[in-house]
Amino acid sequence: MNNNVKATLMVMATAIATGALAQQPAVKIGVIAEFSGPFADYGTQIVNGMKTYLKLHGDTFGGRKVEFIQRDTTGAAPTSPSASHRSS
């Protein structure tokens, strides 16, 4: 194999590998807090603080985009465990 063919194959392999890395799924971070009721401000502040931190550090975690999944406990203790089992 001549050097031109080898170089072309290496460029194609690098392009394929780079494309595969760019298509990694997002990191999902679940936040279960009170987003309604008398303590709704606390839940909102928690999520806004997390988003601000990520914005200051490039909106990525480990090179992957971050997606937040929020669940509202509505302030009732029995709803908290079931909120973690709902799909996004």
Protein backbone atom coordinates (compact mmCIF):
# COMPACT_ATOMS: atom_id res chain seq x y z
CA MET A 1 0.00 0.00 0.00
CA ASN A 2 1.44 3.37 -0.90
CA ASN A 3 1.63 6.28 1.53
CA ASN A 4 -1.28 8.20 -0.06
CA VAL A 5 -3.67 5.29 0.48
CA LYS A 6 -2.47 4.84 4.07
CA ALA A 7 -2.90 8.55 4.78
CA THR A 8 -6.40 8.55 3.28
CA LEU A 9 -7.43 5.55 5.37
CA MET A 10 -6.08 7.18 8.52
CA VAL A 11 -8.01 10.40 7.83
CA MET A 12 -11.22 8.42 7.20
CA ALA A 13 -10.77 6.41 10.42
CA THR A 14 -10.18 9.60 12.42
CA ALA A 15 -13.29 11.23 10.91
CA ILE A 16 -15.42 8.21 11.76
CA ALA A 17 -14.09 8.07 15.32
CA THR A 18 -14.63 11.81 15.83
CA GLY A 19 -18.20 11.53 14.54
CA ALA A 20 -18.90 8.67 16.93
CA LEU A 21 -17.65 10.69 19.90
CA ALA A 22 -19.75 13.70 18.93
CA GLN A 23 -22.92 11.60 19.00
CA GLN A 24 -22.60 10.43 22.60
CA PRO A 25 -25.82 10.71 24.59
CA ALA A 26 -26.25 13.50 27.09
CA VAL A 27 -25.50 13.06 30.77
CA LYS A 28 -28.86 13.10 32.54
CA ILE A 29 -29.03 14.64 35.99
CA GLY A 30 -32.25 14.10 37.92
CA VAL A 31 -33.45 16.70 40.39
CA ILE A 32 -36.28 15.73 42.72
CA ALA A 33 -37.34 18.77 44.69
CA GLU A 34 -40.36 20.89 45.48
CA PHE A 35 -41.20 23.02 42.44
CA SER A 36 -44.71 23.91 43.60
CA GLY A 37 -46.13 24.85 46.96
CA PRO A 38 -44.60 26.96 49.71
CA PHE A 39 -41.01 25.81 49.12
CA ALA A 40 -41.00 26.05 45.32
CA ASP A 41 -38.36 28.78 45.40
CA TYR A 42 -35.84 26.35 46.91
CA GLY A 43 -36.26 23.81 44.12
CA THR A 44 -35.91 26.52 41.50
CA GLN A 45 -32.79 27.89 43.20
CA ILE A 46 -31.21 24.43 43.29
CA VAL A 47 -31.70 23.87 39.56
CA ASN A 48 -30.65 27.41 38.65
CA GLY A 49 -27.48 27.00 40.73
CA MET A 50 -26.62 23.76 38.94
CA LYS A 51 -27.26 25.33 35.52
CA THR A 52 -25.16 28.38 36.41
CA TYR A 53 -22.25 26.17 37.49
CA LEU A 54 -22.40 24.25 34.21
CA LYS A 55 -22.66 27.44 32.17
CA LEU A 56 -19.52 28.78 33.87
CA HIS A 57 -17.70 25.50 33.10
CA GLY A 58 -18.69 24.98 29.45
CA ASP A 59 -22.17 23.36 29.68
CA THR A 60 -20.60 19.91 29.55
CA PHE A 61 -19.67 17.16 31.95
CA GLY A 62 -16.93 14.80 30.83
CA GLY A 63 -17.18 16.24 27.33
CA ARG A 64 -20.88 15.38 27.08
CA LYS A 65 -23.88 17.71 27.07
CA VAL A 66 -25.89 17.80 30.30
CA GLU A 67 -29.67 17.34 30.42
CA PHE A 68 -31.67 18.06 33.57
CA ILE A 69 -34.73 16.01 34.46
CA GLN A 70 -36.90 17.73 37.05
CA ARG A 71 -39.54 16.03 39.19
CA ASP A 72 -41.81 17.87 41.60
CA THR A 73 -42.42 16.36 45.03
CA THR A 74 -45.35 18.79 45.58
CA GLY A 75 -44.21 18.94 49.21
CA ALA A 76 -45.81 15.61 50.05
CA ALA A 77 -43.35 13.01 51.36
CA PRO A 78 -45.08 9.98 49.76
CA THR A 79 -44.62 11.41 46.23
CA SER A 80 -40.82 11.66 46.41
CA PRO A 81 -39.97 7.96 45.91
CA SER A 82 -42.44 7.54 43.05
CA ALA A 83 -41.02 10.64 41.30
CA SER A 84 -37.69 8.87 40.88
CA HIS A 85 -39.30 5.97 39.04
CA ARG A 86 -41.08 7.96 36.33
CA SER A 87 -39.43 7.87 32.93
CA SER A 88 -38.38 11.06 31.14
